[in-house]
Amino acid sequence: MLKIAKEQEISIFISSHLLNEMEILCDRLIYIHKGEIIDDQSNIEVEREKVTFSVKVTPAELAKEVLKDVVIDIDTQNQNIIIESYSGDIPFLIKKLVEHDMMIYSFSPQSSSLESKYLAKISGDY
């Protein structure tokens, strides 16, 4: 469906409460609350949002060294590294770790999901 829409240069409007899926599917997100548009952003803007995540990786100190020049901030906690970067850079960072033969055991976002961002936007009922 998305391939056809792109080929034929048409838009598809999807209304959903499954925000995690919409974040993956859509190239533009419009937040609507009580019939009012409260935010409108493209995935390019979403990809440039800063995110913080924890990666359980071994060896953690080597991972920190490998990534230090390509992230905004990085720190270690036990076998985890805490990374602040841009959301669009996540696949590149994982690839870089794998290329250096690092073992990745978990990857956990610590910053807001799309759903929590939406809930923050509607708090106070605009």
N, C-alpha and C. Protein backbone atom coordinates (compact mmCIF):
# COMPACT_ATOMS: atom_id res chain seq x y z
N MET A 1 0.82 -1.19 0.00
CA MET A 1 0.00 0.00 0.00
C MET A 1 0.88 1.26 0.00
N LEU A 2 1.91 1.26 0.86
CA LEU A 2 2.79 2.42 0.92
C LEU A 2 3.61 2.58 -0.36
N LYS A 3 4.00 1.45 -0.95
CA LYS A 3 4.76 1.49 -2.20
C LYS A 3 3.91 2.10 -3.32
N ILE A 4 2.66 1.70 -3.42
CA ILE A 4 1.75 2.23 -4.44
C ILE A 4 1.52 3.72 -4.22
N ALA A 5 1.33 4.11 -2.97
CA ALA A 5 1.12 5.53 -2.65
C ALA A 5 2.31 6.36 -3.10
N LYS A 6 3.50 5.86 -2.85
CA LYS A 6 4.71 6.59 -3.24
C LYS A 6 4.83 6.65 -4.76
N GLU A 7 4.62 5.53 -5.43
CA GLU A 7 4.72 5.48 -6.90
C GLU A 7 3.71 6.40 -7.57
N GLN A 8 2.50 6.47 -7.02
CA GLN A 8 1.44 7.27 -7.63
C GLN A 8 1.34 8.67 -7.04
N GLU A 9 2.27 8.97 -6.13
CA GLU A 9 2.33 10.29 -5.48
C GLU A 9 0.99 10.69 -4.87
N ILE A 10 0.45 9.78 -4.07
CA ILE A 10 -0.80 10.07 -3.37
C ILE A 10 -0.56 9.93 -1.87
N SER A 11 -1.43 10.53 -1.10
CA SER A 11 -1.34 10.45 0.36
C SER A 11 -2.37 9.46 0.87
N ILE A 12 -2.01 8.81 1.96
CA ILE A 12 -2.94 7.92 2.64
C ILE A 12 -3.09 8.45 4.06
N PHE A 13 -4.32 8.68 4.46
CA PHE A 13 -4.59 9.17 5.80
C PHE A 13 -4.97 7.97 6.67
N ILE A 14 -4.23 7.76 7.74
CA ILE A 14 -4.51 6.67 8.67
C ILE A 14 -4.77 7.29 10.04
N SER A 15 -5.89 6.96 10.61
CA SER A 15 -6.20 7.40 11.96
C SER A 15 -6.04 6.19 12.87
N SER A 16 -5.16 6.30 13.86
CA SER A 16 -4.89 5.16 14.70
C SER A 16 -4.45 5.59 16.09
N HIS A 17 -4.73 4.75 17.05
CA HIS A 17 -4.21 4.96 18.40
C HIS A 17 -2.94 4.12 18.62
N LEU A 18 -2.52 3.35 17.62
CA LEU A 18 -1.31 2.53 17.72
C LEU A 18 -0.11 3.36 17.26
N LEU A 19 0.32 4.26 18.12
CA LEU A 19 1.32 5.25 17.74
C LEU A 19 2.69 4.65 17.42
N ASN A 20 3.07 3.58 18.08
CA ASN A 20 4.36 2.96 17.77
C ASN A 20 4.38 2.45 16.33
N GLU A 21 3.28 1.87 15.87
CA GLU A 21 3.20 1.40 14.49
C GLU A 21 3.17 2.58 13.51
N MET A 22 2.49 3.64 13.88
CA MET A 22 2.42 4.81 13.00
C MET A 22 3.80 5.45 12.83
N GLU A 23 4.58 5.42 13.89
CA GLU A 23 5.92 5.99 13.83
C GLU A 23 6.78 5.26 12.79
N ILE A 24 6.57 3.95 12.66
CA ILE A 24 7.31 3.15 11.69
C ILE A 24 6.74 3.31 10.28
N LEU A 25 5.42 3.33 10.16
CA LEU A 25 4.76 3.36 8.86
C LEU A 25 4.77 4.71 8.15
N CYS A 26 4.63 5.77 8.89
CA CYS A 26 4.32 7.07 8.30
C CYS A 26 5.54 7.95 8.10
N ASP A 27 5.46 8.80 7.09
CA ASP A 27 6.54 9.78 6.90
C ASP A 27 6.11 11.17 7.37
N ARG A 28 4.89 11.26 7.87
CA ARG A 28 4.40 12.50 8.46
C ARG A 28 3.40 12.16 9.54
N LEU A 29 3.51 12.83 10.67
CA LEU A 29 2.63 12.57 11.80
C LEU A 29 1.88 13.84 12.18
N ILE A 30 0.58 13.73 12.26
CA ILE A 30 -0.24 14.87 12.69
C ILE A 30 -0.98 14.42 13.95
N TYR A 31 -0.77 15.14 15.02
CA TYR A 31 -1.45 14.84 16.28
C TYR A 31 -2.77 15.60 16.31
N ILE A 32 -3.85 14.87 16.55
CA ILE A 32 -5.18 15.48 16.65
C ILE A 32 -5.75 15.14 18.02
N HIS A 33 -6.27 16.15 18.69
CA HIS A 33 -6.89 15.95 19.99
C HIS A 33 -8.17 16.76 20.04
N LYS A 34 -9.28 16.09 20.31
CA LYS A 34 -10.60 16.73 20.36
C LYS A 34 -10.88 17.52 19.08
N GLY A 35 -10.52 16.92 17.94
CA GLY A 35 -10.81 17.52 16.65
C GLY A 35 -9.88 18.64 16.22
N GLU A 36 -8.87 18.94 17.02
CA GLU A 36 -7.93 20.03 16.71
C GLU A 36 -6.54 19.45 16.42
N ILE A 37 -5.88 19.99 15.40
CA ILE A 37 -4.49 19.61 15.15
C ILE A 37 -3.63 20.31 16.18
N ILE A 38 -2.89 19.50 16.96
CA ILE A 38 -2.05 20.10 18.00
C ILE A 38 -0.57 20.02 17.66
N ASP A 39 -0.22 19.22 16.65
CA ASP A 39 1.17 19.17 16.19
C ASP A 39 1.21 18.48 14.83
N ASP A 40 2.21 18.82 14.05
CA ASP A 40 2.38 18.28 12.71
C ASP A 40 3.88 18.20 12.46
N GLN A 41 4.39 17.00 12.26
CA GLN A 41 5.82 16.88 12.01
C GLN A 41 6.10 15.76 11.02
N SER A 42 7.13 15.97 10.24
CA SER A 42 7.56 14.94 9.30
C SER A 42 8.49 13.97 10.02
N ASN A 43 8.70 12.80 9.43
CA ASN A 43 9.63 11.85 10.04
C ASN A 43 11.05 12.37 10.01
N ILE A 44 11.36 13.29 9.10
CA ILE A 44 12.68 13.90 9.10
C ILE A 44 12.89 14.63 10.43
N GLU A 45 11.85 15.36 10.88
CA GLU A 45 11.95 16.04 12.17
C GLU A 45 12.06 15.03 13.30
N VAL A 46 11.31 13.94 13.20
CA VAL A 46 11.35 12.90 14.23
C VAL A 46 12.74 12.27 14.28
N GLU A 47 13.34 12.01 13.10
CA GLU A 47 14.67 11.41 13.06
C GLU A 47 15.73 12.32 13.66
N ARG A 48 15.50 13.62 13.68
CA ARG A 48 16.49 14.54 14.22
C ARG A 48 16.23 14.85 15.69
N GLU A 49 15.25 14.18 16.29
CA GLU A 49 15.00 14.37 17.72
C GLU A 49 16.08 13.65 18.52
N LYS A 50 16.49 14.28 19.58
CA LYS A 50 17.45 13.63 20.47
C LYS A 50 16.75 12.54 21.26
N VAL A 51 17.43 11.42 21.40
CA VAL A 51 16.90 10.30 22.18
C VAL A 51 18.01 9.78 23.09
N THR A 52 17.60 9.18 24.18
CA THR A 52 18.54 8.55 25.10
C THR A 52 18.15 7.08 25.19
N PHE A 53 19.14 6.22 25.12
CA PHE A 53 18.85 4.80 25.21
C PHE A 53 20.00 4.08 25.89
N SER A 54 19.67 2.92 26.42
CA SER A 54 20.64 2.08 27.11
C SER A 54 20.90 0.85 26.25
N VAL A 55 22.17 0.51 26.10
CA VAL A 55 22.56 -0.67 25.33
C VAL A 55 23.39 -1.57 26.23
N LYS A 56 22.93 -2.80 26.42
CA LYS A 56 23.74 -3.77 27.15
C LYS A 56 24.65 -4.42 26.11
N VAL A 57 25.94 -4.16 26.24
CA VAL A 57 26.90 -4.57 25.23
C VAL A 57 28.20 -4.97 25.91
N THR A 58 28.89 -5.94 25.32
CA THR A 58 30.21 -6.29 25.83
C THR A 58 31.21 -6.25 24.68
N PRO A 59 32.36 -5.73 24.94
CA PRO A 59 32.78 -5.01 26.14
C PRO A 59 32.28 -3.56 26.11
N ALA A 60 31.72 -3.12 27.21
CA ALA A 60 31.10 -1.78 27.29
C ALA A 60 32.11 -0.66 27.09
N GLU A 61 33.27 -0.79 27.68
CA GLU A 61 34.27 0.28 27.55
C GLU A 61 34.74 0.44 26.10
N LEU A 62 34.89 -0.67 25.40
CA LEU A 62 35.28 -0.61 23.99
C LEU A 62 34.15 0.01 23.16
N ALA A 63 32.91 -0.34 23.47
CA ALA A 63 31.76 0.23 22.77
C ALA A 63 31.73 1.75 22.95
N LYS A 64 32.00 2.17 24.16
CA LYS A 64 32.04 3.61 24.44
C LYS A 64 33.11 4.29 23.59
N GLU A 65 34.25 3.68 23.48
CA GLU A 65 35.35 4.23 22.69
C GLU A 65 34.99 4.29 21.20
N VAL A 66 34.35 3.23 20.69
CA VAL A 66 33.98 3.16 19.28
C VAL A 66 32.95 4.24 18.91
N LEU A 67 32.03 4.53 19.82
CA LEU A 67 30.93 5.44 19.52
C LEU A 67 31.16 6.89 19.96
N LYS A 68 32.19 7.14 20.74
CA LYS A 68 32.34 8.46 21.37
C LYS A 68 32.33 9.63 20.39
N ASP A 69 32.80 9.44 19.17
CA ASP A 69 32.87 10.54 18.20
C ASP A 69 31.63 10.68 17.33
N VAL A 70 30.68 9.75 17.47
CA VAL A 70 29.49 9.79 16.60
C VAL A 70 28.18 9.96 17.36
N VAL A 71 28.25 10.20 18.66
CA VAL A 71 27.05 10.42 19.46
C VAL A 71 27.16 11.77 20.17
N ILE A 72 26.04 12.24 20.70
CA ILE A 72 26.04 13.51 21.43
C ILE A 72 26.71 13.34 22.79
N ASP A 73 26.33 12.25 23.48
CA ASP A 73 26.90 11.97 24.80
C ASP A 73 26.87 10.47 25.03
N ILE A 74 27.83 9.97 25.79
CA ILE A 74 27.88 8.54 26.08
C ILE A 74 28.50 8.33 27.45
N ASP A 75 27.97 7.36 28.19
CA ASP A 75 28.49 7.03 29.52
C ASP A 75 28.31 5.53 29.73
N THR A 76 28.99 4.96 30.69
CA THR A 76 28.83 3.55 31.00
C THR A 76 28.23 3.37 32.38
N GLN A 77 27.41 2.31 32.50
CA GLN A 77 26.86 1.87 33.78
C GLN A 77 26.90 0.35 33.76
N ASN A 78 27.83 -0.24 34.49
CA ASN A 78 28.04 -1.69 34.49
C ASN A 78 28.31 -2.16 33.07
N GLN A 79 27.52 -3.10 32.56
CA GLN A 79 27.70 -3.58 31.18
C GLN A 79 26.86 -2.79 30.18
N ASN A 80 26.23 -1.70 30.63
CA ASN A 80 25.39 -0.88 29.76
C ASN A 80 26.12 0.40 29.38
N ILE A 81 25.84 0.86 28.18
CA ILE A 81 26.25 2.20 27.82
C ILE A 81 24.98 3.01 27.65
N ILE A 82 25.01 4.22 28.15
CA ILE A 82 23.88 5.14 28.03
C ILE A 82 24.28 6.15 26.96
N ILE A 83 23.48 6.20 25.90
CA ILE A 83 23.81 7.01 24.73
C ILE A 83 22.75 8.07 24.51
N GLU A 84 23.20 9.28 24.23
CA GLU A 84 22.30 10.33 23.75
C GLU A 84 22.71 10.59 22.30
N SER A 85 21.75 10.47 21.41
CA SER A 85 22.02 10.65 19.99
C SER A 85 20.74 11.10 19.30
N TYR A 86 20.75 11.13 17.98
CA TYR A 86 19.54 11.43 17.22
C TYR A 86 18.87 10.13 16.83
N SER A 87 17.55 10.10 16.86
CA SER A 87 16.82 8.85 16.61
C SER A 87 17.14 8.27 15.24
N GLY A 88 17.37 9.09 14.25
CA GLY A 88 17.69 8.60 12.91
C GLY A 88 19.05 7.93 12.81
N ASP A 89 19.90 8.11 13.83
CA ASP A 89 21.24 7.53 13.81
C ASP A 89 21.31 6.14 14.45
N ILE A 90 20.22 5.68 15.04
CA ILE A 90 20.24 4.41 15.77
C ILE A 90 20.71 3.24 14.91
N PRO A 91 20.19 3.04 13.69
CA PRO A 91 20.68 1.90 12.89
C PRO A 91 22.19 1.98 12.61
N PHE A 92 22.69 3.17 12.36
CA PHE A 92 24.12 3.37 12.12
C PHE A 92 24.94 2.99 13.35
N LEU A 93 24.47 3.37 14.54
CA LEU A 93 25.20 3.07 15.77
C LEU A 93 25.25 1.56 16.04
N ILE A 94 24.14 0.89 15.82
CA ILE A 94 24.10 -0.56 16.01
C ILE A 94 25.04 -1.24 15.01
N LYS A 95 24.99 -0.80 13.76
CA LYS A 95 25.87 -1.36 12.73
C LYS A 95 27.34 -1.18 13.11
N LYS A 96 27.67 -0.02 13.63
CA LYS A 96 29.05 0.27 14.03
C LYS A 96 29.51 -0.69 15.14
N LEU A 97 28.63 -0.96 16.09
CA LEU A 97 28.97 -1.90 17.17
C LEU A 97 29.17 -3.31 16.62
N VAL A 98 28.27 -3.73 15.74
CA VAL A 98 28.36 -5.07 15.15
C VAL A 98 29.64 -5.20 14.32
N GLU A 99 29.98 -4.17 13.57
CA GLU A 99 31.21 -4.20 12.76
C GLU A 99 32.47 -4.37 13.61
N HIS A 100 32.38 -3.96 14.87
CA HIS A 100 33.52 -4.10 15.79
C HIS A 100 33.38 -5.36 16.66
N ASP A 101 32.56 -6.30 16.19
CA ASP A 101 32.37 -7.60 16.86
C ASP A 101 31.90 -7.51 18.30
N MET A 102 31.08 -6.51 18.59
CA MET A 102 30.53 -6.35 19.94
C MET A 102 29.28 -7.22 20.07
N MET A 103 29.05 -7.70 21.25
CA MET A 103 27.86 -8.50 21.55
C MET A 103 26.80 -7.57 22.15
N ILE A 104 25.67 -7.40 21.45
CA ILE A 104 24.58 -6.54 21.92
C ILE A 104 23.50 -7.45 22.50
N TYR A 105 23.20 -7.25 23.79
CA TYR A 105 22.23 -8.08 24.48
C TYR A 105 20.87 -7.41 24.64
N SER A 106 20.87 -6.10 24.71
CA SER A 106 19.59 -5.39 24.79
C SER A 106 19.79 -3.95 24.31
N PHE A 107 18.70 -3.39 23.87
CA PHE A 107 18.69 -2.02 23.37
C PHE A 107 17.38 -1.41 23.85
N SER A 108 17.45 -0.49 24.80
CA SER A 108 16.23 0.03 25.43
C SER A 108 16.17 1.54 25.37
N PRO A 109 15.13 2.07 24.72
CA PRO A 109 14.97 3.53 24.73
C PRO A 109 14.71 4.01 26.15
N GLN A 110 15.30 5.12 26.52
CA GLN A 110 15.07 5.70 27.83
C GLN A 110 14.32 7.01 27.71
N SER A 111 14.18 7.48 26.49
CA SER A 111 13.47 8.73 26.29
C SER A 111 12.05 8.41 25.83
N SER A 112 11.30 9.43 25.63
CA SER A 112 9.88 9.30 25.35
C SER A 112 9.58 8.55 24.06
N SER A 113 8.57 7.71 24.14
CA SER A 113 8.04 7.09 22.94
C SER A 113 7.09 8.08 22.28
N LEU A 114 6.67 7.77 21.08
CA LEU A 114 5.70 8.62 20.40
C LEU A 114 4.42 8.76 21.22
N GLU A 115 4.01 7.66 21.84
CA GLU A 115 2.81 7.69 22.66
C GLU A 115 2.96 8.63 23.87
N SER A 116 4.09 8.55 24.55
CA SER A 116 4.28 9.43 25.71
C SER A 116 4.42 10.88 25.28
N LYS A 117 4.98 11.13 24.09
CA LYS A 117 5.06 12.50 23.57
C LYS A 117 3.66 13.04 23.31
N TYR A 118 2.81 12.19 22.73
CA TYR A 118 1.42 12.60 22.48
C TYR A 118 0.71 12.91 23.79
N LEU A 119 0.87 12.04 24.75
CA LEU A 119 0.21 12.26 26.04
C LEU A 119 0.71 13.54 26.70
N ALA A 120 1.99 13.84 26.54
CA ALA A 120 2.53 15.09 27.09
C ALA A 120 1.92 16.30 26.38
N LYS A 121 1.68 16.17 25.07
CA LYS A 121 1.10 17.27 24.30
C LYS A 121 -0.35 17.56 24.72
N ILE A 122 -1.09 16.50 25.07
CA ILE A 122 -2.50 16.71 25.41
C ILE A 122 -2.72 16.96 26.90
N SER A 123 -1.68 16.83 27.71
CA SER A 123 -1.87 17.08 29.13
C SER A 123 -2.29 18.55 29.30
N GLY A 124 -3.29 18.76 30.09
CA GLY A 124 -3.84 20.11 30.25
C GLY A 124 -4.93 20.39 29.24
N ASP A 125 -5.21 19.40 28.37
CA ASP A 125 -6.31 19.47 27.40
C ASP A 125 -6.29 20.69 26.49
N TYR A 126 -5.14 21.17 26.12
CA TYR A 126 -5.00 22.26 25.14
C TYR A 126 -6.23 23.13 25.07
